Amino acid sequence: MEKQPIPRDTVETIDTTSKVVSKAMFNGKRKGISLRNVSLAGEQISIAFGTEAKLGSGIVLNQGDVHNESADAGYTMSNAEITAIASVNTAKLAIHELMELN
């Protein structure tokens, strides 16, 4: 029987200092991830995989923007930590992550 991915659904407050929003996966692997900026207009969030996020670099999400990756869609999923930084201290990042644990 194939293992079913374990979902993680949360909304994180992102501020002007880079922070980890998903830890590195050492005992499993990511099967998919969806990151959406659910902040107010004009609030930007930048995302990085495996390194410290820098505003305006990497994956840049403006209000309503979404970044999706799925192993089922052919992406080679990174198991590195995911970090985020925002243009304001009150930005909101919705995270939907599917993980398969060993």
PDB file of N, CA and C in Angstrom:
ATOM      1  N   MET A   1       0.838  -1.180   0.000  1.00  0.00           N
ATOM      2  CA  MET A   1       0.000   0.000   0.000  1.00  0.00           C
ATOM      3  C   MET A   1       0.891   1.254   0.000  1.00  0.00           C
ATOM      4  N   GLU A   2       0.590   2.184  -0.884  1.00  0.00           N
ATOM      5  CA  GLU A   2       1.368   3.419  -0.979  1.00  0.00           C
ATOM      6  C   GLU A   2       1.081   4.327   0.213  1.00  0.00           C
ATOM      7  N   LYS A   3       2.159   4.950   0.723  1.00  0.00           N
ATOM      8  CA  LYS A   3       1.999   5.891   1.836  1.00  0.00           C
ATOM      9  C   LYS A   3       1.231   7.119   1.375  1.00  0.00           C
ATOM     10  N   GLN A   4       0.324   7.586   2.205  1.00  0.00           N
ATOM     11  CA  GLN A   4      -0.410   8.812   1.922  1.00  0.00           C
ATOM     12  C   GLN A   4       0.362  10.000   2.484  1.00  0.00           C
ATOM     13  N   PRO A   5       0.532  11.069   1.708  1.00  0.00           N
ATOM     14  CA  PRO A   5       1.236  12.251   2.219  1.00  0.00           C
ATOM     15  C   PRO A   5       0.501  12.862   3.409  1.00  0.00           C
ATOM     16  N   ILE A   6       1.266  13.405   4.324  1.00  0.00           N
ATOM     17  CA  ILE A   6       0.723  14.076   5.501  1.00  0.00           C
ATOM     18  C   ILE A   6       0.619  15.565   5.180  1.00  0.00           C
ATOM     19  N   PRO A   7      -0.570  16.159   5.301  1.00  0.00           N
ATOM     20  CA  PRO A   7      -0.712  17.591   4.989  1.00  0.00           C
ATOM     21  C   PRO A   7      -0.338  18.481   6.168  1.00  0.00           C
ATOM     22  N   ARG A   8       0.153  19.655   5.856  1.00  0.00           N
ATOM     23  CA  ARG A   8       0.400  20.719   6.843  1.00  0.00           C
ATOM     24  C   ARG A   8      -0.208  21.977   6.266  1.00  0.00           C
ATOM     25  N   ASP A   9      -1.183  22.537   6.957  1.00  0.00           N
ATOM     26  CA  ASP A   9      -1.844  23.767   6.523  1.00  0.00           C
ATOM     27  C   ASP A   9      -1.725  24.798   7.634  1.00  0.00           C
ATOM     28  N   THR A  10      -1.160  25.953   7.308  1.00  0.00           N
ATOM     29  CA  THR A  10      -0.973  26.999   8.310  1.00  0.00           C
ATOM     30  C   THR A  10      -0.865  28.354   7.631  1.00  0.00           C
ATOM     31  N   VAL A  11      -1.017  29.404   8.417  1.00  0.00           N
ATOM     32  CA  VAL A  11      -0.741  30.764   7.963  1.00  0.00           C
ATOM     33  C   VAL A  11       0.293  31.340   8.917  1.00  0.00           C
ATOM     34  N   GLU A  12       1.402  31.786   8.372  1.00  0.00           N
ATOM     35  CA  GLU A  12       2.506  32.349   9.161  1.00  0.00           C
ATOM     36  C   GLU A  12       2.542  33.866   8.990  1.00  0.00           C
ATOM     37  N   THR A  13       2.826  34.572  10.069  1.00  0.00           N
ATOM     38  CA  THR A  13       3.104  36.006   9.979  1.00  0.00           C
ATOM     39  C   THR A  13       4.580  36.160   9.635  1.00  0.00           C
ATOM     40  N   ILE A  14       4.847  36.902   8.590  1.00  0.00           N
ATOM     41  CA  ILE A  14       6.216  37.117   8.111  1.00  0.00           C
ATOM     42  C   ILE A  14       6.563  38.577   8.365  1.00  0.00           C
ATOM     43  N   ASP A  15       7.785  38.809   8.852  1.00  0.00           N
ATOM     44  CA  ASP A  15       8.202  40.189   9.102  1.00  0.00           C
ATOM     45  C   ASP A  15       9.435  40.526   8.276  1.00  0.00           C
ATOM     46  N   THR A  16      10.134  41.583   8.658  1.00  0.00           N
ATOM     47  CA  THR A  16      11.250  42.100   7.864  1.00  0.00           C
ATOM     48  C   THR A  16      12.575  41.409   8.171  1.00  0.00           C
ATOM     49  N   THR A  17      12.524  40.326   8.924  1.00  0.00           N
ATOM     50  CA  THR A  17      13.703  39.498   9.204  1.00  0.00           C
ATOM     51  C   THR A  17      13.442  38.104   8.641  1.00  0.00           C
ATOM     52  N   SER A  18      14.401  37.544   7.932  1.00  0.00           N
ATOM     53  CA  SER A  18      14.235  36.210   7.353  1.00  0.00           C
ATOM     54  C   SER A  18      13.945  35.184   8.446  1.00  0.00           C
ATOM     55  N   LYS A  19      12.950  34.318   8.196  1.00  0.00           N
ATOM     56  CA  LYS A  19      12.611  33.278   9.167  1.00  0.00           C
ATOM     57  C   LYS A  19      12.294  31.975   8.438  1.00  0.00           C
ATOM     58  N   VAL A  20      12.487  30.870   9.144  1.00  0.00           N
ATOM     59  CA  VAL A  20      12.178  29.553   8.599  1.00  0.00           C
ATOM     60  C   VAL A  20      10.665  29.342   8.661  1.00  0.00           C
ATOM     61  N   VAL A  21      10.061  28.997   7.521  1.00  0.00           N
ATOM     62  CA  VAL A  21       8.624  28.712   7.488  1.00  0.00           C
ATOM     63  C   VAL A  21       8.355  27.223   7.283  1.00  0.00           C
ATOM     64  N   SER A  22       9.384  26.473   6.891  1.00  0.00           N
ATOM     65  CA  SER A  22       9.291  25.019   6.807  1.00  0.00           C
ATOM     66  C   SER A  22      10.689  24.452   7.041  1.00  0.00           C
ATOM     67  N   LYS A  23      10.795  23.580   8.036  1.00  0.00           N
ATOM     68  CA  LYS A  23      12.094  22.999   8.382  1.00  0.00           C
ATOM     69  C   LYS A  23      12.574  22.054   7.289  1.00  0.00           C
ATOM     70  N   ALA A  24      13.894  21.836   7.269  1.00  0.00           N
ATOM     71  CA  ALA A  24      14.477  20.870   6.341  1.00  0.00           C
ATOM     72  C   ALA A  24      13.909  19.485   6.649  1.00  0.00           C
ATOM     73  N   MET A  25      13.709  18.694   5.617  1.00  0.00           N
ATOM     74  CA  MET A  25      13.150  17.351   5.765  1.00  0.00           C
ATOM     75  C   MET A  25      14.294  16.332   5.798  1.00  0.00           C
ATOM     76  N   PHE A  26      14.591  15.790   6.979  1.00  0.00           N
ATOM     77  CA  PHE A  26      15.642  14.783   7.109  1.00  0.00           C
ATOM     78  C   PHE A  26      15.052  13.377   7.217  1.00  0.00           C
ATOM     79  N   ASN A  27      13.831  13.265   7.726  1.00  0.00           N
ATOM     80  CA  ASN A  27      13.198  11.962   7.933  1.00  0.00           C
ATOM     81  C   ASN A  27      12.035  11.743   6.979  1.00  0.00           C
ATOM     82  N   GLY A  28      12.160  12.268   5.785  1.00  0.00           N
ATOM     83  CA  GLY A  28      11.092  12.132   4.807  1.00  0.00           C
ATOM     84  C   GLY A  28      11.360  13.012   3.613  1.00  0.00           C
ATOM     85  N   LYS A  29      10.299  13.315   2.880  1.00  0.00           N
ATOM     86  CA  LYS A  29      10.455  14.176   1.711  1.00  0.00           C
ATOM     87  C   LYS A  29       9.168  14.939   1.444  1.00  0.00           C
ATOM     88  N   ARG A  30       9.340  16.082   0.819  1.00  0.00           N
ATOM     89  CA  ARG A  30       8.189  16.872   0.392  1.00  0.00           C
ATOM     90  C   ARG A  30       7.602  16.262  -0.866  1.00  0.00           C
ATOM     91  N   LYS A  31       6.302  16.225  -0.914  1.00  0.00           N
ATOM     92  CA  LYS A  31       5.600  15.747  -2.103  1.00  0.00           C
ATOM     93  C   LYS A  31       4.963  16.905  -2.865  1.00  0.00           C
ATOM     94  N   GLY A  32       4.727  18.015  -2.148  1.00  0.00           N
ATOM     95  CA  GLY A  32       4.140  19.185  -2.782  1.00  0.00           C
ATOM     96  C   GLY A  32       4.102  20.345  -1.816  1.00  0.00           C
ATOM     97  N   ILE A  33       4.088  21.562  -2.362  1.00  0.00           N
ATOM     98  CA  ILE A  33       3.984  22.748  -1.517  1.00  0.00           C
ATOM     99  C   ILE A  33       3.288  23.860  -2.302  1.00  0.00           C
ATOM    100  N   SER A  34       2.466  24.603  -1.590  1.00  0.00           N
ATOM    101  CA  SER A  34       1.802  25.764  -2.153  1.00  0.00           C
ATOM    102  C   SER A  34       1.982  26.911  -1.168  1.00  0.00           C
ATOM    103  N   LEU A  35       2.532  28.009  -1.638  1.00  0.00           N
ATOM    104  CA  LEU A  35       2.790  29.195  -0.817  1.00  0.00           C
ATOM    105  C   LEU A  35       2.008  30.352  -1.424  1.00  0.00           C
ATOM    106  N   ARG A  36       1.174  31.009  -0.616  1.00  0.00           N
ATOM    107  CA  ARG A  36       0.354  32.118  -1.134  1.00  0.00           C
ATOM    108  C   ARG A  36       0.464  33.323  -0.210  1.00  0.00           C
ATOM    109  N   ASN A  37       0.699  34.480  -0.811  1.00  0.00           N
ATOM    110  CA  ASN A  37       0.737  35.736  -0.066  1.00  0.00           C
ATOM    111  C   ASN A  37      -0.706  36.186   0.154  1.00  0.00           C
ATOM    112  N   VAL A  38      -1.174  36.076   1.406  1.00  0.00           N
ATOM    113  CA  VAL A  38      -2.548  36.475   1.748  1.00  0.00           C
ATOM    114  C   VAL A  38      -2.551  37.796   2.514  1.00  0.00           C
ATOM    115  N   SER A  39      -1.529  38.597   2.287  1.00  0.00           N
ATOM    116  CA  SER A  39      -1.377  39.901   2.940  1.00  0.00           C
ATOM    117  C   SER A  39      -2.249  40.960   2.290  1.00  0.00           C
ATOM    118  N   LEU A  40      -2.172  42.161   2.838  1.00  0.00           N
ATOM    119  CA  LEU A  40      -2.848  43.317   2.263  1.00  0.00           C
ATOM    120  C   LEU A  40      -2.108  43.783   1.004  1.00  0.00           C
ATOM    121  N   ALA A  41      -2.757  44.578   0.195  1.00  0.00           N
ATOM    122  CA  ALA A  41      -2.159  45.102  -1.034  1.00  0.00           C
ATOM    123  C   ALA A  41      -0.845  45.820  -0.722  1.00  0.00           C
ATOM    124  N   GLY A  42       0.134  45.589  -1.566  1.00  0.00           N
ATOM    125  CA  GLY A  42       1.424  46.265  -1.436  1.00  0.00           C
ATOM    126  C   GLY A  42       2.410  45.552  -0.525  1.00  0.00           C
ATOM    127  N   GLU A  43       1.972  44.500   0.165  1.00  0.00           N
ATOM    128  CA  GLU A  43       2.867  43.752   1.060  1.00  0.00           C
ATOM    129  C   GLU A  43       3.482  42.592   0.281  1.00  0.00           C
ATOM    130  N   GLN A  44       4.799  42.617   0.151  1.00  0.00           N
ATOM    131  CA  GLN A  44       5.532  41.644  -0.647  1.00  0.00           C
ATOM    132  C   GLN A  44       6.246  40.647   0.258  1.00  0.00           C
ATOM    133  N   ILE A  45       6.275  39.381  -0.166  1.00  0.00           N
ATOM    134  CA  ILE A  45       6.992  38.333   0.552  1.00  0.00           C
ATOM    135  C   ILE A  45       7.958  37.670  -0.425  1.00  0.00           C
ATOM    136  N   SER A  46       9.194  37.462   0.031  1.00  0.00           N
ATOM    137  CA  SER A  46      10.188  36.748  -0.774  1.00  0.00           C
ATOM    138  C   SER A  46      10.511  35.427  -0.090  1.00  0.00           C
ATOM    139  N   ILE A  47      10.660  34.377  -0.905  1.00  0.00           N
ATOM    140  CA  ILE A  47      10.870  33.006  -0.436  1.00  0.00           C
ATOM    141  C   ILE A  47      12.205  32.502  -0.949  1.00  0.00           C
ATOM    142  N   ALA A  48      12.908  31.709  -0.116  1.00  0.00           N
ATOM    143  CA  ALA A  48      14.151  31.066  -0.545  1.00  0.00           C
ATOM    144  C   ALA A  48      14.170  29.624  -0.043  1.00  0.00           C
ATOM    145  N   PHE A  49      14.787  28.751  -0.809  1.00  0.00           N
ATOM    146  CA  PHE A  49      14.968  27.353  -0.431  1.00  0.00           C
ATOM    147  C   PHE A  49      16.438  27.122  -0.095  1.00  0.00           C
ATOM    148  N   GLY A  50      16.704  26.669   1.129  1.00  0.00           N
ATOM    149  CA  GLY A  50      18.059  26.295   1.523  1.00  0.00           C
ATOM    150  C   GLY A  50      18.987  27.441   1.849  1.00  0.00           C
ATOM    151  N   THR A  51      18.478  28.647   1.919  1.00  0.00           N
ATOM    152  CA  THR A  51      19.303  29.811   2.231  1.00  0.00           C
ATOM    153  C   THR A  51      18.430  30.884   2.871  1.00  0.00           C
ATOM    154  N   GLU A  52      19.060  31.907   3.396  1.00  0.00           N
ATOM    155  CA  GLU A  52      18.317  33.012   4.012  1.00  0.00           C
ATOM    156  C   GLU A  52      17.576  33.812   2.942  1.00  0.00           C
ATOM    157  N   ALA A  53      16.299  34.077   3.181  1.00  0.00           N
ATOM    158  CA  ALA A  53      15.509  34.866   2.236  1.00  0.00           C
ATOM    159  C   ALA A  53      15.967  36.318   2.238  1.00  0.00           C
ATOM    160  N   LYS A  54      15.973  36.916   1.045  1.00  0.00           N
ATOM    161  CA  LYS A  54      16.322  38.322   0.879  1.00  0.00           C
ATOM    162  C   LYS A  54      15.177  38.998   0.131  1.00  0.00           C
ATOM    163  N   LEU A  55      14.737  40.137   0.648  1.00  0.00           N
ATOM    164  CA  LEU A  55      13.609  40.843   0.056  1.00  0.00           C
ATOM    165  C   LEU A  55      13.891  41.189  -1.408  1.00  0.00           C
ATOM    166  N   GLY A  56      12.966  40.856  -2.279  1.00  0.00           N
ATOM    167  CA  GLY A  56      13.102  41.149  -3.702  1.00  0.00           C
ATOM    168  C   GLY A  56      13.887  40.115  -4.476  1.00  0.00           C
ATOM    169  N   SER A  57      14.326  39.021  -3.819  1.00  0.00           N
ATOM    170  CA  SER A  57      15.100  37.969  -4.490  1.00  0.00           C
ATOM    171  C   SER A  57      14.389  36.633  -4.357  1.00  0.00           C
ATOM    172  N   GLY A  58      14.822  35.670  -5.149  1.00  0.00           N
ATOM    173  CA  GLY A  58      14.233  34.335  -5.089  1.00  0.00           C
ATOM    174  C   GLY A  58      12.819  34.345  -5.647  1.00  0.00           C
ATOM    175  N   ILE A  59      11.920  33.695  -4.945  1.00  0.00           N
ATOM    176  CA  ILE A  59      10.516  33.654  -5.340  1.00  0.00           C
ATOM    177  C   ILE A  59       9.832  34.846  -4.682  1.00  0.00           C
ATOM    178  N   VAL A  60       9.377  35.800  -5.473  1.00  0.00           N
ATOM    179  CA  VAL A  60       8.768  37.022  -4.953  1.00  0.00           C
ATOM    180  C   VAL A  60       7.251  36.933  -5.150  1.00  0.00           C
ATOM    181  N   LEU A  61       6.511  37.053  -4.030  1.00  0.00           N
ATOM    182  CA  LEU A  61       5.059  36.965  -4.065  1.00  0.00           C
ATOM    183  C   LEU A  61       4.447  38.295  -3.658  1.00  0.00           C
ATOM    184  N   ASN A  62       3.687  38.896  -4.565  1.00  0.00           N
ATOM    185  CA  ASN A  62       2.889  40.070  -4.230  1.00  0.00           C
ATOM    186  C   ASN A  62       1.542  39.570  -3.716  1.00  0.00           C
ATOM    187  N   GLN A  63       0.710  40.475  -3.229  1.00  0.00           N
ATOM    188  CA  GLN A  63      -0.583  40.073  -2.674  1.00  0.00           C
ATOM    189  C   GLN A  63      -1.331  39.165  -3.652  1.00  0.00           C
ATOM    190  N   GLY A  64      -1.784  38.017  -3.157  1.00  0.00           N
ATOM    191  CA  GLY A  64      -2.549  37.074  -3.964  1.00  0.00           C
ATOM    192  C   GLY A  64      -1.731  36.119  -4.805  1.00  0.00           C
ATOM    193  N   ASP A  65      -0.432  36.373  -4.967  1.00  0.00           N
ATOM    194  CA  ASP A  65       0.412  35.484  -5.767  1.00  0.00           C
ATOM    195  C   ASP A  65       0.606  34.144  -5.065  1.00  0.00           C
ATOM    196  N   VAL A  66       0.762  33.104  -5.884  1.00  0.00           N
ATOM    197  CA  VAL A  66       0.929  31.735  -5.390  1.00  0.00           C
ATOM    198  C   VAL A  66       2.138  31.098  -6.057  1.00  0.00           C
ATOM    199  N   HIS A  67       2.885  30.307  -5.274  1.00  0.00           N
ATOM    200  CA  HIS A  67       3.963  29.470  -5.817  1.00  0.00           C
ATOM    201  C   HIS A  67       3.608  28.030  -5.480  1.00  0.00           C
ATOM    202  N   ASN A  68       3.499  27.171  -6.509  1.00  0.00           N
ATOM    203  CA  ASN A  68       3.155  25.762  -6.328  1.00  0.00           C
ATOM    204  C   ASN A  68       4.259  24.875  -6.876  1.00  0.00           C
ATOM    205  N   GLU A  69       4.550  23.784  -6.167  1.00  0.00           N
ATOM    206  CA  GLU A  69       5.429  22.738  -6.662  1.00  0.00           C
ATOM    207  C   GLU A  69       4.818  21.407  -6.261  1.00  0.00           C
ATOM    208  N   SER A  70       4.897  20.426  -7.157  1.00  0.00           N
ATOM    209  CA  SER A  70       4.354  19.107  -6.868  1.00  0.00           C
ATOM    210  C   SER A  70       5.221  18.043  -7.524  1.00  0.00           C
ATOM    211  N   ALA A  71       5.581  17.023  -6.751  1.00  0.00           N
ATOM    212  CA  ALA A  71       6.329  15.906  -7.318  1.00  0.00           C
ATOM    213  C   ALA A  71       5.509  15.225  -8.404  1.00  0.00           C
ATOM    214  N   ASP A  72       4.196  15.187  -8.248  1.00  0.00           N
ATOM    215  CA  ASP A  72       3.319  14.570  -9.241  1.00  0.00           C
ATOM    216  C   ASP A  72       3.319  15.329 -10.564  1.00  0.00           C
ATOM    217  N   ALA A  73       3.662  16.615 -10.527  1.00  0.00           N
ATOM    218  CA  ALA A  73       3.705  17.431 -11.747  1.00  0.00           C
ATOM    219  C   ALA A  73       5.102  17.433 -12.370  1.00  0.00           C
ATOM    220  N   GLY A  74       6.017  16.630 -11.810  1.00  0.00           N
ATOM    221  CA  GLY A  74       7.342  16.504 -12.393  1.00  0.00           C
ATOM    222  C   GLY A  74       8.429  17.349 -11.751  1.00  0.00           C
ATOM    223  N   TYR A  75       8.092  18.141 -10.714  1.00  0.00           N
ATOM    224  CA  TYR A  75       9.115  18.924 -10.025  1.00  0.00           C
ATOM    225  C   TYR A  75      10.005  18.000  -9.207  1.00  0.00           C
ATOM    226  N   THR A  76      11.300  18.300  -9.177  1.00  0.00           N
ATOM    227  CA  THR A  76      12.200  17.646  -8.241  1.00  0.00           C
ATOM    228  C   THR A  76      12.136  18.460  -6.969  1.00  0.00           C
ATOM    229  N   MET A  77      11.456  17.936  -5.959  1.00  0.00           N
ATOM    230  CA  MET A  77      11.190  18.679  -4.732  1.00  0.00           C
ATOM    231  C   MET A  77      12.452  18.823  -3.884  1.00  0.00           C
ATOM    232  N   SER A  78      12.657  19.998  -3.356  1.00  0.00           N
ATOM    233  CA  SER A  78      13.750  20.268  -2.436  1.00  0.00           C
ATOM    234  C   SER A  78      13.312  19.876  -1.027  1.00  0.00           C
ATOM    235  N   ASN A  79      14.215  19.272  -0.273  1.00  0.00           N
ATOM    236  CA  ASN A  79      13.959  18.967   1.138  1.00  0.00           C
ATOM    237  C   ASN A  79      14.641  19.976   2.051  1.00  0.00           C
ATOM    238  N   ALA A  80      15.207  21.024   1.468  1.00  0.00           N
ATOM    239  CA  ALA A  80      15.892  22.060   2.249  1.00  0.00           C
ATOM    240  C   ALA A  80      14.880  22.905   3.018  1.00  0.00           C
ATOM    241  N   GLU A  81      15.372  23.611   4.050  1.00  0.00           N
ATOM    242  CA  GLU A  81      14.473  24.511   4.766  1.00  0.00           C
ATOM    243  C   GLU A  81      14.002  25.619   3.825  1.00  0.00           C
ATOM    244  N   ILE A  82      12.808  26.124   4.103  1.00  0.00           N
ATOM    245  CA  ILE A  82      12.235  27.214   3.313  1.00  0.00           C
ATOM    246  C   ILE A  82      12.158  28.430   4.217  1.00  0.00           C
ATOM    247  N   THR A  83      12.674  29.567   3.740  1.00  0.00           N
ATOM    248  CA  THR A  83      12.672  30.800   4.522  1.00  0.00           C
ATOM    249  C   THR A  83      11.876  31.874   3.796  1.00  0.00           C
ATOM    250  N   ALA A  84      11.427  32.868   4.568  1.00  0.00           N
ATOM    251  CA  ALA A  84      10.641  33.970   3.994  1.00  0.00           C
ATOM    252  C   ALA A  84      10.987  35.272   4.698  1.00  0.00           C
ATOM    253  N   ILE A  85      10.823  36.366   3.971  1.00  0.00           N
ATOM    254  CA  ILE A  85      11.006  37.718   4.507  1.00  0.00           C
ATOM    255  C   ILE A  85       9.962  38.603   3.824  1.00  0.00           C
ATOM    256  N   ALA A  86       9.528  39.643   4.510  1.00  0.00           N
ATOM    257  CA  ALA A  86       8.482  40.506   3.954  1.00  0.00           C
ATOM    258  C   ALA A  86       8.888  41.971   3.991  1.00  0.00           C
ATOM    259  N   SER A  87       8.134  42.763   3.251  1.00  0.00           N
ATOM    260  CA  SER A  87       8.388  44.200   3.185  1.00  0.00           C
ATOM    261  C   SER A  87       7.819  44.941   4.404  1.00  0.00           C
ATOM    262  N   VAL A  88       6.967  44.260   5.183  1.00  0.00           N
ATOM    263  CA  VAL A  88       6.360  44.829   6.397  1.00  0.00           C
ATOM    264  C   VAL A  88       6.347  43.757   7.486  1.00  0.00           C
ATOM    265  N   ASN A  89       6.072  44.157   8.717  1.00  0.00           N
ATOM    266  CA  ASN A  89       6.076  43.210   9.832  1.00  0.00           C
ATOM    267  C   ASN A  89       4.780  42.421  10.002  1.00  0.00           C
ATOM    268  N   THR A  90       3.792  42.661   9.156  1.00  0.00           N
ATOM    269  CA  THR A  90       2.478  42.038   9.342  1.00  0.00           C
ATOM    270  C   THR A  90       2.029  41.204   8.144  1.00  0.00           C
ATOM    271  N   ALA A  91       2.940  40.857   7.256  1.00  0.00           N
ATOM    272  CA  ALA A  91       2.576  40.081   6.070  1.00  0.00           C
ATOM    273  C   ALA A  91       2.154  38.667   6.469  1.00  0.00           C
ATOM    274  N   LYS A  92       1.281  38.059   5.675  1.00  0.00           N
ATOM    275  CA  LYS A  92       0.762  36.723   5.963  1.00  0.00           C
ATOM    276  C   LYS A  92       1.044  35.791   4.787  1.00  0.00           C
ATOM    277  N   LEU A  93       1.594  34.616   5.119  1.00  0.00           N
ATOM    278  CA  LEU A  93       1.913  33.597   4.116  1.00  0.00           C
ATOM    279  C   LEU A  93       1.136  32.332   4.442  1.00  0.00           C
ATOM    280  N   ALA A  94       0.247  31.931   3.528  1.00  0.00           N
ATOM    281  CA  ALA A  94      -0.480  30.674   3.683  1.00  0.00           C
ATOM    282  C   ALA A  94       0.389  29.552   3.115  1.00  0.00           C
ATOM    283  N   ILE A  95       0.505  28.465   3.878  1.00  0.00           N
ATOM    284  CA  ILE A  95       1.366  27.347   3.496  1.00  0.00           C
ATOM    285  C   ILE A  95       0.545  26.067   3.488  1.00  0.00           C
ATOM    286  N   HIS A  96       0.552  25.376   2.363  1.00  0.00           N
ATOM    287  CA  HIS A  96      -0.020  24.035   2.273  1.00  0.00           C
ATOM    288  C   HIS A  96       1.111  23.138   1.809  1.00  0.00           C
ATOM    289  N   GLU A  97       1.477  22.179   2.637  1.00  0.00           N
ATOM    290  CA  GLU A  97       2.629  21.328   2.354  1.00  0.00           C
ATOM    291  C   GLU A  97       2.222  19.875   2.515  1.00  0.00           C
ATOM    292  N   LEU A  98       2.650  19.037   1.581  1.00  0.00           N
ATOM    293  CA  LEU A  98       2.429  17.606   1.671  1.00  0.00           C
ATOM    294  C   LEU A  98       3.769  16.923   1.900  1.00  0.00           C
ATOM    295  N   MET A  99       3.847  16.124   2.962  1.00  0.00           N
ATOM    296  CA  MET A  99       5.105  15.480   3.332  1.00  0.00           C
ATOM    297  C   MET A  99       4.895  13.968   3.422  1.00  0.00           C
ATOM    298  N   GLU A 100       5.922  13.240   3.063  1.00  0.00           N
ATOM    299  CA  GLU A 100       5.927  11.788   3.220  1.00  0.00           C
ATOM    300  C   GLU A 100       7.050  11.451   4.183  1.00  0.00           C
ATOM    301  N   LEU A 101       6.684  10.886   5.336  1.00  0.00           N
ATOM    302  CA  LEU A 101       7.669  10.567   6.357  1.00  0.00           C
ATOM    303  C   LEU A 101       8.155   9.141   6.184  1.00  0.00           C
ATOM    304  N   ASN A 102       9.434   8.928   6.502  1.00  0.00           N
ATOM    305  CA  ASN A 102      10.010   7.580   6.428  1.00  0.00           C
ATOM    306  C   ASN A 102       9.544   6.745   7.600  1.00  0.00           C
TER     307      ASN A 102
END
